[in-house]
């Protein structure tokens, strides 16, 4: 071996022994209203689901190769027969789901609060189609499944504690009596249970404290799946409700799920929210990621025992960039394969017409027929997408025919929304917030034809602009984003930005020329 080759060999040997430098990633990994994440790994691909409450379709599903970059590949519940949502608001509907994979089959188990309780659906392909619901006896929210030795176990939280039973994974029949496992470490609302087995222990991960500021994750373990369970003396294993975490923008950390990557390292996905303009969050609870150290026979340590932040240093998997939405484009019409589009409750199909269903000379992006109002919340005509960035610009143009009010809504809940609309006589901004319902400001509509509407935000304020001539925009009004926050408006979701039409049935319709959403 000559001197040059010897030097190269020694240099490569030294590099092999050097520690791997930490990489960085930013939280949230799935921004905007994407709460209650659950994850599983199949081969080299991770699959993740979120709760969806009153929105249709339900339970968005994502895929990733590196846990950092996620791509939506569909919605698990995409048929009314799977997801009845009669009367649902953002307090009701589809709560926290769990996704698991076992012997060639994907399982998604969740709760439809107000319309049936606990159920699961199955698929051989995570993109679907998914089965009809299999309804379950044991109630309580946030059910999860665990498979072992030919048995399928279900955990949920009836009776303010975590309970376990065995079920038939094909029929849903409950095979054993429900048995209480753990009440947590004293925090209110023990929920979101998941069971894992490692090093001869069954680990039970739950969330406590309510899904607000005091949210936290705790864990217990047992040699027997039925208990008794021993609490981790270092609980909680994740919370930002602490001296170290109190000054961070991220708060409400909790409701998580653990997964082991192919390289042996462990990760946790969990929900949290970001405050804007003080202690207010309007984007909803989002999906976050933290590294986990889990030594043999010991308790898992999340993020080195430190609070989570927007910038995380960790030895991540090799980065695999994915398009954010598989087939989605901000200008695609609803129901064309753009999976991020959602509607309220079970939509009435005839009230939504795409531009390829009418004569060519009729130029519009989507035509909406009214069905009551957003506030009445009885299958209102609304189609939109989650607000995923604090700063954005959203623009459309709209033409109304008949006695219809139509435009863009900043929608948090049926009694908390800002509606920027056009009618025959005016362009106006209306604020609905609990018992408050008033027109903030309006201008006369001086000419027929389309009116351009634009909503902008910088994270603290929403700005509402209009153009009557299609060229020059004028600011009509501005409103503080905190008015649409969970702390003020309420609900379990986050802001959804959408097109709407209000009025009596058969009173007219509204044509929208385009829908352009640009994140800053």
Protein backbone atom coordinates (compact mmCIF):
# COMPACT_ATOMS: atom_id res chain seq x y z
CA UNK A 1 0.00 0.00 0.00
CA UNK A 2 1.57 3.29 -1.04
CA UNK A 3 1.69 6.34 1.19
CA UNK A 4 -1.23 8.08 -0.55
CA UNK A 5 -3.52 5.06 -0.24
CA UNK A 6 -2.45 4.54 3.37
CA UNK A 7 -3.33 8.15 4.20
CA UNK A 8 -6.74 7.74 2.52
CA UNK A 9 -7.43 4.50 4.42
CA UNK A 10 -6.56 6.08 7.79
CA UNK A 11 -8.66 9.15 7.01
CA UNK A 12 -11.71 7.02 6.12
CA UNK A 13 -11.22 4.97 9.28
CA UNK A 14 -11.19 8.15 11.38
CA UNK A 15 -14.35 9.40 9.70
CA UNK A 16 -16.10 6.12 10.46
CA UNK A 17 -15.45 6.61 14.19
CA UNK A 18 -16.49 10.25 14.32
CA UNK A 19 -19.95 10.88 15.85
CA UNK A 20 -22.74 11.61 13.40
CA UNK A 21 -23.45 15.32 13.42
CA UNK A 22 -26.95 16.32 14.45
CA UNK A 23 -29.32 17.54 11.78
CA UNK A 24 -32.14 20.00 12.25
CA UNK A 25 -35.81 20.02 11.41
CA UNK A 26 -38.65 22.40 12.15
CA UNK A 27 -41.88 21.81 14.01
CA UNK A 28 -44.72 21.40 13.32
CA UNK A 29 -44.09 18.73 10.70
CA UNK A 30 -47.76 18.90 9.63
CA UNK A 31 -48.97 22.48 10.27
CA UNK A 32 -52.50 23.75 10.74
CA UNK A 33 -55.48 21.88 12.10
CA UNK A 34 -54.07 18.32 12.21
CA UNK A 35 -54.57 17.14 15.80
CA UNK A 36 -54.31 13.79 17.60
CA UNK A 37 -51.67 12.17 15.37
CA UNK A 38 -51.17 8.40 15.31
CA UNK A 39 -48.45 6.67 13.32
CA UNK A 40 -47.33 3.22 12.20
CA UNK A 41 -44.43 1.99 10.07
CA UNK A 42 -44.73 -0.57 7.29
CA UNK A 43 -41.36 -1.37 5.71
CA UNK A 44 -39.61 1.94 5.09
CA UNK A 45 -42.81 4.01 4.99
CA UNK A 46 -44.59 5.73 7.86
CA UNK A 47 -48.36 6.34 7.80
CA UNK A 48 -50.06 8.95 9.97
CA UNK A 49 -53.69 9.89 10.63
CA UNK A 50 -55.38 12.85 12.35
CA UNK A 51 -58.80 13.54 13.85
CA UNK A 52 -61.26 15.55 11.76
CA UNK A 53 -64.31 16.33 13.97
CA UNK A 54 -67.21 17.81 11.91
CA UNK A 55 -65.43 17.87 8.54
CA UNK A 56 -66.03 15.62 5.55
CA UNK A 57 -64.16 13.63 4.34
CA UNK A 58 -62.73 12.45 7.65
CA UNK A 59 -59.37 11.32 9.04
CA UNK A 60 -56.69 12.65 6.66
CA UNK A 61 -53.92 10.11 6.06
CA UNK A 62 -50.29 10.95 5.28
CA UNK A 63 -47.17 9.08 4.28
CA UNK A 64 -43.48 9.80 4.92
CA UNK A 65 -40.08 8.20 4.48
CA UNK A 66 -38.25 10.29 7.07
CA UNK A 67 -40.90 11.39 9.64
CA UNK A 68 -40.20 15.04 8.77
CA UNK A 69 -41.69 15.45 5.30
CA UNK A 70 -45.31 14.30 5.00
CA UNK A 71 -47.58 13.93 2.00
CA UNK A 72 -51.36 13.55 2.20
CA UNK A 73 -52.43 10.46 0.25
CA UNK A 74 -56.14 10.50 1.00
CA UNK A 75 -58.85 10.54 3.64
CA UNK A 76 -59.80 7.32 5.42
CA UNK A 77 -63.50 8.13 5.77
CA UNK A 78 -64.69 9.34 2.38
CA UNK A 79 -68.26 7.99 2.23
CA UNK A 80 -71.29 9.12 4.20
CA UNK A 81 -71.95 5.51 5.23
CA UNK A 82 -68.61 5.54 7.06
CA UNK A 83 -68.97 8.93 8.71
CA UNK A 84 -72.46 10.16 9.62
CA UNK A 85 -72.05 13.71 10.91
CA UNK A 86 -75.60 14.87 11.62
CA UNK A 87 -75.52 17.96 13.84
CA UNK A 88 -71.73 17.77 14.38
CA UNK A 89 -69.77 20.86 15.36
CA UNK A 90 -66.10 21.12 16.25
CA UNK A 91 -67.00 19.77 19.69
CA UNK A 92 -68.32 16.55 18.09
CA UNK A 93 -67.66 14.17 15.21
CA UNK A 94 -64.48 12.17 14.63
CA UNK A 95 -62.14 12.21 17.62
CA UNK A 96 -58.60 10.87 17.93
CA UNK A 97 -57.88 7.94 15.58
CA UNK A 98 -55.23 5.24 15.83
CA UNK A 99 -53.64 3.54 12.82
CA UNK A 100 -52.06 0.08 13.07
CA UNK A 101 -50.86 -2.58 10.61
CA UNK A 102 -51.18 -6.33 11.22
CA UNK A 103 -50.66 -9.25 8.86
CA UNK A 104 -51.33 -7.37 5.64
CA UNK A 105 -54.22 -5.25 6.93
CA UNK A 106 -54.34 -1.61 8.01
CA UNK A 107 -56.69 -0.76 10.90
CA UNK A 108 -57.98 2.71 11.76
CA UNK A 109 -59.98 2.90 14.98
CA UNK A 110 -61.68 6.05 16.27
CA UNK A 111 -64.77 7.56 17.90
CA UNK A 112 -67.68 9.31 16.19
CA UNK A 113 -68.91 11.42 19.10
CA UNK A 114 -72.63 12.08 18.76
CA UNK A 115 -73.15 9.61 15.93
CA UNK A 116 -72.39 6.07 17.00
CA UNK A 117 -69.34 5.89 19.28
CA UNK A 118 -66.31 3.65 18.73
CA UNK A 119 -65.62 1.79 15.48
CA UNK A 120 -62.82 0.65 13.21
CA UNK A 121 -62.32 0.32 9.46
CA UNK A 122 -59.78 -1.74 7.54
CA UNK A 123 -57.91 -1.64 4.22
CA UNK A 124 -55.17 -3.52 2.42
CA UNK A 125 -53.89 -0.26 0.91
CA UNK A 126 -53.62 2.87 3.08
CA UNK A 127 -54.87 4.92 0.13
CA UNK A 128 -58.12 2.97 0.34
CA UNK A 129 -60.74 1.97 -0.20
CA UNK A 130 -61.41 1.47 3.50
CA UNK A 131 -64.19 -0.80 4.75
CA UNK A 132 -67.53 0.07 6.25
CA UNK A 133 -67.44 0.73 10.03
CA UNK A 134 -67.25 -2.15 12.49
CA UNK A 135 -68.93 -0.85 15.65
CA UNK A 136 -67.59 -1.68 19.11
CA UNK A 137 -69.11 -2.26 22.54
CA UNK A 138 -66.49 -0.67 24.79
CA UNK A 139 -66.95 3.09 24.73
CA UNK A 140 -64.86 6.03 25.90
CA UNK A 141 -62.95 8.15 23.40
CA UNK A 142 -59.54 7.66 21.73
CA UNK A 143 -59.58 3.88 21.22
CA UNK A 144 -56.41 2.06 20.19
CA UNK A 145 -55.51 -1.48 19.12
CA UNK A 146 -52.68 -3.82 20.10
CA UNK A 147 -52.01 -7.18 18.42
CA UNK A 148 -50.12 -10.08 20.03
CA UNK A 149 -50.08 -13.88 19.71
CA UNK A 150 -53.22 -14.05 17.59
CA UNK A 151 -55.15 -11.73 19.92
CA UNK A 152 -56.41 -8.20 19.35
CA UNK A 153 -56.72 -5.87 22.35
CA UNK A 154 -58.58 -2.58 22.50
CA UNK A 155 -57.98 0.24 24.98
CA UNK A 156 -60.07 3.38 25.49
CA UNK A 157 -61.11 5.58 28.42
CA UNK A 158 -64.63 4.93 29.70
CA UNK A 159 -65.12 5.93 33.32
CA UNK A 160 -62.26 8.46 33.55
CA UNK A 161 -59.61 5.74 33.32
CA UNK A 162 -57.95 3.51 30.72
CA UNK A 163 -59.72 0.18 30.16
CA UNK A 164 -58.71 -2.91 28.20
CA UNK A 165 -60.65 -5.67 26.48
CA UNK A 166 -60.02 -8.31 23.82
CA UNK A 167 -62.02 -8.08 20.60
CA UNK A 168 -62.48 -10.04 17.40
CA UNK A 169 -60.58 -8.00 14.76
CA UNK A 170 -62.95 -9.12 12.00
CA UNK A 171 -66.36 -8.71 13.63
CA UNK A 172 -65.61 -6.29 16.48
CA UNK A 173 -67.22 -8.66 19.00
CA UNK A 174 -65.95 -8.05 22.53
CA UNK A 175 -64.44 -11.33 23.79
CA UNK A 176 -63.55 -10.38 27.39
CA UNK A 177 -64.97 -8.09 30.04
CA UNK A 178 -63.48 -4.62 30.15
CA UNK A 179 -60.72 -4.27 32.77
CA UNK A 180 -59.41 -1.03 34.24
CA UNK A 181 -55.66 -0.59 33.75
CA UNK A 182 -54.58 2.88 34.93
CA UNK A 183 -55.95 6.28 35.87
CA UNK A 184 -52.76 8.13 35.07
CA UNK A 185 -50.66 10.22 37.40
CA UNK A 186 -53.38 12.51 38.69
CA UNK A 187 -53.99 14.76 35.70
CA UNK A 188 -57.55 15.27 34.53
CA UNK A 189 -58.92 13.50 31.46
CA UNK A 190 -56.65 10.43 31.12
CA UNK A 191 -57.06 9.64 27.41
CA UNK A 192 -55.27 8.84 24.16
CA UNK A 193 -53.97 5.40 25.28
CA UNK A 194 -51.49 3.32 23.26
CA UNK A 195 -49.87 0.01 24.25
CA UNK A 196 -46.36 -1.06 23.16
CA UNK A 197 -44.24 -4.06 24.15
CA UNK A 198 -40.49 -3.70 24.66
CA UNK A 199 -37.92 -5.68 26.65
CA UNK A 200 -40.55 -7.83 28.33
CA UNK A 201 -42.69 -4.87 29.50
CA UNK A 202 -46.04 -3.62 28.26
CA UNK A 203 -45.88 0.17 28.14
CA UNK A 204 -49.07 2.24 28.34
CA UNK A 205 -48.72 5.80 26.99
CA UNK A 206 -51.53 8.26 27.69
CA UNK A 207 -52.20 12.00 27.71
CA UNK A 208 -53.46 13.92 30.74
CA UNK A 209 -54.40 17.44 31.76
CA UNK A 210 -56.90 18.24 29.01
CA UNK A 211 -55.90 19.34 25.55
CA UNK A 212 -55.01 22.88 26.60
CA UNK A 213 -52.11 24.53 28.39
CA UNK A 214 -51.58 21.73 30.96
CA UNK A 215 -51.54 18.94 28.35
CA UNK A 216 -48.86 16.32 28.97
CA UNK A 217 -47.85 12.76 28.19
CA UNK A 218 -47.34 10.14 30.88
CA UNK A 219 -46.39 6.47 30.73
CA UNK A 220 -46.67 3.33 32.86
CA UNK A 221 -45.56 -0.28 32.43
CA UNK A 222 -46.33 -3.82 33.50
CA UNK A 223 -45.07 -7.35 32.92
CA UNK A 224 -48.69 -8.36 32.24
CA UNK A 225 -50.90 -6.62 29.69
CA UNK A 226 -53.74 -6.61 32.25
CA UNK A 227 -51.57 -4.93 34.87
CA UNK A 228 -50.94 -3.78 37.48
CA UNK A 229 -49.19 -0.84 35.83
CA UNK A 230 -46.34 1.06 37.48
CA UNK A 231 -46.04 4.80 36.79
CA UNK A 232 -42.83 6.22 35.44
CA UNK A 233 -41.23 8.13 38.35
CA UNK A 234 -40.13 10.79 35.83
CA UNK A 235 -43.62 11.51 34.48
CA UNK A 236 -44.56 13.50 32.51
CA UNK A 237 -42.29 12.41 29.69
CA UNK A 238 -43.35 15.42 27.60
CA UNK A 239 -44.91 18.76 28.50
CA UNK A 240 -44.25 22.43 27.78
CA UNK A 241 -46.31 23.45 30.80
CA UNK A 242 -43.20 23.95 32.93
CA UNK A 243 -40.67 26.60 33.89
CA UNK A 244 -38.45 25.54 31.01
CA UNK A 245 -41.27 25.50 28.51
CA UNK A 246 -43.49 28.35 29.60
CA UNK A 247 -41.86 31.00 27.38
CA UNK A 248 -41.98 28.97 24.17
CA UNK A 249 -44.42 29.63 21.37
CA UNK A 250 -45.37 25.94 21.35
CA UNK A 251 -47.80 24.96 24.10
CA UNK A 252 -50.39 22.29 24.82
CA UNK A 253 -48.03 19.39 24.07
CA UNK A 254 -49.68 15.99 24.43
CA UNK A 255 -51.59 13.13 22.84
CA UNK A 256 -48.72 11.25 21.22
CA UNK A 257 -47.80 7.96 19.57
CA UNK A 258 -44.44 6.18 19.49
CA UNK A 259 -42.87 4.45 16.49
CA UNK A 260 -39.54 2.76 15.85
CA UNK A 261 -37.75 3.54 12.61
CA UNK A 262 -35.95 0.97 10.52
CA UNK A 263 -32.57 2.07 11.95
CA UNK A 264 -33.73 1.17 15.47
CA UNK A 265 -34.28 4.72 16.70
CA UNK A 266 -37.58 5.76 18.27
CA UNK A 267 -39.70 8.83 17.52
CA UNK A 268 -42.84 10.38 18.89
CA UNK A 269 -45.54 12.29 17.02
CA UNK A 270 -47.82 14.40 19.17
CA UNK A 271 -50.09 17.41 19.08
CA UNK A 272 -49.34 20.93 20.23
CA UNK A 273 -50.28 24.44 19.19
CA UNK A 274 -48.49 27.71 18.48
CA UNK A 275 -49.50 30.93 20.19
CA UNK A 276 -49.85 34.17 18.24
CA UNK A 277 -50.50 37.65 19.66
CA UNK A 278 -50.29 36.47 23.25
CA UNK A 279 -51.83 33.30 24.64
CA UNK A 280 -54.08 32.63 21.65
CA UNK A 281 -53.96 29.92 19.02
CA UNK A 282 -56.17 30.02 15.94
CA UNK A 283 -54.42 27.56 13.59
CA UNK A 284 -55.54 24.67 15.77
CA UNK A 285 -53.61 21.78 17.23
CA UNK A 286 -50.89 20.62 14.86
CA UNK A 287 -48.67 17.56 14.40
CA UNK A 288 -45.19 17.71 15.97
CA UNK A 289 -42.21 15.37 16.08
CA UNK A 290 -39.66 14.60 18.81
CA UNK A 291 -36.73 12.16 19.05
CA UNK A 292 -36.94 9.48 21.73
CA UNK A 293 -34.15 7.66 23.52
CA UNK A 294 -35.36 4.29 24.77
CA UNK A 295 -32.60 2.16 26.27
CA UNK A 296 -33.13 -1.53 26.98
CA UNK A 297 -35.22 -2.09 30.10
CA UNK A 298 -35.52 1.65 30.80
CA UNK A 299 -38.19 4.30 30.38
CA UNK A 300 -38.40 6.31 27.13
CA UNK A 301 -36.90 9.80 27.25
CA UNK A 302 -38.49 12.30 24.85
CA UNK A 303 -36.33 15.09 23.39
CA UNK A 304 -33.67 14.58 26.03
CA UNK A 305 -36.20 15.41 28.74
CA UNK A 306 -36.46 19.00 27.50
CA UNK A 307 -39.50 20.97 26.28
CA UNK A 308 -40.15 20.89 22.55
CA UNK A 309 -39.37 23.86 20.32
CA UNK A 310 -39.90 24.91 16.71
CA UNK A 311 -36.29 24.04 15.83
CA UNK A 312 -35.12 20.57 16.85
CA UNK A 313 -31.61 19.13 16.55
CA UNK A 314 -31.63 15.38 16.10
CA UNK A 315 -30.07 12.61 14.06
CA UNK A 316 -32.87 12.28 11.57
CA UNK A 317 -33.44 9.64 8.94
CA UNK A 318 -32.11 10.36 5.44
CA UNK A 319 -34.23 13.20 4.09
CA UNK A 320 -36.81 12.25 1.44
CA UNK A 321 -38.70 15.27 0.12
CA UNK A 322 -42.29 14.66 -0.91
CA UNK A 323 -44.79 16.93 -2.59
CA UNK A 324 -46.97 18.29 0.20
CA UNK A 325 -50.17 17.06 -1.43
CA UNK A 326 -50.19 14.02 -3.67
CA UNK A 327 -52.60 15.39 -6.28
CA UNK A 328 -53.45 18.71 -4.73
CA UNK A 329 -53.14 22.12 -6.28
CA UNK A 330 -54.48 25.27 -4.69
CA UNK A 331 -56.49 25.96 -7.81
CA UNK A 332 -57.93 22.46 -8.25
CA UNK A 333 -61.68 22.25 -7.89
CA UNK A 334 -63.12 20.34 -4.93
CA UNK A 335 -63.54 16.59 -5.45
CA UNK A 336 -60.89 16.41 -8.20
CA UNK A 337 -58.37 14.46 -6.16
CA UNK A 338 -57.11 17.39 -4.08
CA UNK A 339 -57.38 15.67 -0.73
CA UNK A 340 -57.10 18.79 1.44
CA UNK A 341 -60.55 20.07 0.46
CA UNK A 342 -63.14 19.63 3.23
CA UNK A 343 -66.81 20.38 3.76
CA UNK A 344 -69.00 20.73 6.83
CA UNK A 345 -70.92 17.68 8.02
CA UNK A 346 -72.20 15.45 5.19
CA UNK A 347 -72.41 17.76 2.16
CA UNK A 348 -75.44 17.83 -0.11
CA UNK A 349 -73.87 16.85 -3.46
CA UNK A 350 -76.23 18.88 -5.66
CA UNK A 351 -75.15 22.11 -3.97
CA UNK A 352 -71.60 21.87 -5.37
CA UNK A 353 -71.04 21.97 -9.13
CA UNK A 354 -67.64 21.89 -10.80
CA UNK A 355 -66.90 23.91 -13.87
CA UNK A 356 -66.97 20.90 -16.20
CA UNK A 357 -70.65 20.25 -15.51
CA UNK A 358 -71.99 23.35 -17.27
CA UNK A 359 -71.76 24.93 -20.70
CA UNK A 360 -68.26 26.00 -21.74
CA UNK A 361 -69.25 29.66 -21.98
CA UNK A 362 -70.09 29.74 -18.27
CA UNK A 363 -66.74 30.61 -16.75
CA UNK A 364 -66.45 29.60 -13.14
CA UNK A 365 -64.38 27.43 -10.88
CA UNK A 366 -67.21 26.10 -8.73
CA UNK A 367 -70.90 26.95 -8.40
CA UNK A 368 -72.45 26.85 -4.94
CA UNK A 369 -76.13 26.64 -4.07
CA UNK A 370 -77.10 27.77 -0.55
CA UNK A 371 -78.53 25.58 2.19
CA UNK A 372 -79.21 27.78 5.22
CA UNK A 373 -76.37 29.50 7.02
CA UNK A 374 -73.04 28.55 8.53
CA UNK A 375 -74.36 29.44 11.97
CA UNK A 376 -77.44 27.22 11.66
CA UNK A 377 -75.03 24.33 11.02
CA UNK A 378 -77.38 22.04 9.10
CA UNK A 379 -75.23 20.84 6.19
CA UNK A 380 -74.33 24.40 5.14
CA UNK A 381 -72.78 25.00 1.73
CA UNK A 382 -69.07 25.42 2.42
CA UNK A 383 -65.88 24.04 0.92
CA UNK A 384 -62.41 24.98 2.05
CA UNK A 385 -58.95 24.01 3.25
CA UNK A 386 -57.11 24.22 6.54
CA UNK A 387 -55.15 27.39 7.26
CA UNK A 388 -51.64 25.96 7.55
CA UNK A 389 -49.57 29.14 7.78
CA UNK A 390 -49.95 32.17 10.02
CA UNK A 391 -49.18 34.45 7.05
CA UNK A 392 -51.05 33.91 3.82
CA UNK A 393 -53.05 35.51 1.04
CA UNK A 394 -56.32 34.05 -0.26
CA UNK A 395 -58.12 35.43 -3.28
CA UNK A 396 -61.23 34.65 -5.31
CA UNK A 397 -63.86 36.37 -7.39
CA UNK A 398 -67.56 35.75 -6.98
CA UNK A 399 -70.80 36.48 -8.82
CA UNK A 400 -74.13 36.03 -7.08
CA UNK A 401 -77.46 35.29 -8.74
CA UNK A 402 -80.65 35.81 -6.77
CA UNK A 403 -81.04 36.34 -3.04
CA UNK A 404 -77.72 34.83 -2.02
CA UNK A 405 -74.83 35.96 0.16
CA UNK A 406 -71.57 34.31 -0.83
CA UNK A 407 -67.84 34.76 -0.42
CA UNK A 408 -64.95 33.67 1.78
CA UNK A 409 -65.18 32.59 5.42
CA UNK A 410 -62.54 32.43 8.12
CA UNK A 411 -64.25 29.55 9.89
CA UNK A 412 -63.46 28.21 13.35
CA UNK A 413 -66.83 26.87 14.54
CA UNK A 414 -70.49 27.39 13.67
CA UNK A 415 -70.78 30.23 16.19
CA UNK A 416 -67.33 31.65 15.51
CA UNK A 417 -66.53 32.80 11.96
CA UNK A 418 -65.72 35.90 9.90
CA UNK A 419 -67.66 36.04 6.62
CA UNK A 420 -66.47 38.26 3.77
CA UNK A 421 -69.37 38.22 1.33
CA UNK A 422 -71.07 39.70 -1.71
CA UNK A 423 -74.82 40.16 -2.12
CA UNK A 424 -76.90 41.94 -4.75
CA UNK A 425 -76.46 45.26 -2.95
CA UNK A 426 -73.23 45.20 -0.97
CA UNK A 427 -69.79 43.86 -0.18
CA UNK A 428 -69.56 43.28 3.55
CA UNK A 429 -67.68 41.70 6.43
CA UNK A 430 -69.79 40.01 9.10
CA UNK A 431 -68.54 38.81 12.49
CA UNK A 432 -70.28 35.93 14.24
CA UNK A 433 -68.89 35.23 17.70
CA UNK A 434 -71.21 33.52 20.19
CA UNK A 435 -74.06 35.98 20.84
CA UNK A 436 -72.36 38.70 18.78
CA UNK A 437 -73.56 38.84 15.17
CA UNK A 438 -73.04 42.08 13.26
CA UNK A 439 -71.80 43.58 10.01
CA UNK A 440 -68.39 45.07 10.74
CA UNK A 441 -68.34 47.22 7.61
CA UNK A 442 -69.92 47.29 4.14
CA UNK A 443 -69.77 49.20 0.87
CA UNK A 444 -72.41 49.40 -1.86
CA UNK A 445 -72.03 47.06 -4.81
CA UNK A 446 -72.11 49.67 -7.57
CA UNK A 447 -71.91 47.43 -10.62
CA UNK A 448 -72.98 44.00 -11.75
CA UNK A 449 -70.52 41.26 -12.51
CA UNK A 450 -67.86 39.65 -10.38
CA UNK A 451 -66.30 41.09 -7.24
CA UNK A 452 -62.80 40.12 -6.22
CA UNK A 453 -62.30 39.26 -2.56
CA UNK A 454 -58.97 38.86 -0.83
CA UNK A 455 -58.05 37.88 2.73
CA UNK A 456 -54.53 38.47 4.02
CA UNK A 457 -52.96 37.68 7.36
CA UNK A 458 -49.68 38.34 9.17
CA UNK A 459 -50.42 35.98 12.06
CA UNK A 460 -51.98 38.62 14.31
CA UNK A 461 -54.53 40.32 12.02
CA UNK A 462 -56.81 39.32 9.16
CA UNK A 463 -57.18 41.96 6.43
CA UNK A 464 -60.19 41.96 4.09
CA UNK A 465 -59.76 43.57 0.65
CA UNK A 466 -62.18 43.90 -2.24
CA UNK A 467 -62.06 45.04 -5.86
CA UNK A 468 -65.13 46.11 -7.83
CA UNK A 469 -63.27 46.76 -11.08
CA UNK A 470 -61.00 43.71 -10.95
CA UNK A 471 -57.88 45.87 -10.82
CA UNK A 472 -57.54 47.93 -7.65
CA UNK A 473 -58.03 46.43 -4.20
CA UNK A 474 -59.35 48.43 -1.25
CA UNK A 475 -59.12 47.35 2.36
CA UNK A 476 -62.60 47.07 3.81
CA UNK A 477 -61.69 46.10 7.38
CA UNK A 478 -59.28 44.16 9.59
CA UNK A 479 -59.92 41.86 12.53
CA UNK A 480 -57.66 40.38 15.19
CA UNK A 481 -56.82 36.70 14.66
CA UNK A 482 -57.39 36.05 18.37
CA UNK A 483 -61.14 36.40 17.77
CA UNK A 484 -60.97 33.12 15.84
CA UNK A 485 -58.76 31.39 18.41
CA UNK A 486 -59.77 28.36 20.42
CA UNK A 487 -59.50 30.48 23.57
CA UNK A 488 -62.17 32.91 22.29
CA UNK A 489 -64.31 31.06 19.72
CA UNK A 490 -63.96 27.58 21.22
CA UNK A 491 -63.95 24.18 19.56
CA UNK A 492 -61.34 21.49 19.03
CA UNK A 493 -60.28 22.32 15.48
CA UNK A 494 -58.56 25.30 13.84
CA UNK A 495 -59.31 27.89 11.19
CA UNK A 496 -60.50 26.54 7.84
CA UNK A 497 -60.58 29.02 4.94
CA UNK A 498 -63.37 28.40 2.50
CA UNK A 499 -65.98 29.46 -0.01
CA UNK A 500 -69.59 29.57 1.14
CA UNK A 501 -73.09 30.46 -0.02
CA UNK A 502 -75.96 31.34 2.32
CA UNK A 503 -79.67 31.80 1.70
CA UNK A 504 -82.87 29.89 1.28
CA UNK A 505 -82.94 26.83 -0.94
CA UNK A 506 -83.57 27.61 -4.62
CA UNK A 507 -83.06 31.31 -3.92
CA UNK A 508 -80.09 31.56 -6.29
CA UNK A 509 -76.46 30.54 -6.51
CA UNK A 510 -72.91 31.89 -6.52
CA UNK A 511 -70.16 31.34 -9.07
CA UNK A 512 -66.54 31.44 -7.91
CA UNK A 513 -63.98 32.12 -10.62
CA UNK A 514 -60.93 30.70 -8.81
CA UNK A 515 -59.51 29.99 -5.37
CA UNK A 516 -55.90 31.04 -4.91
CA UNK A 517 -54.19 30.35 -1.56
CA UNK A 518 -50.60 31.44 -1.10
CA UNK A 519 -48.65 30.78 2.08
CA UNK A 520 -45.96 33.26 3.05
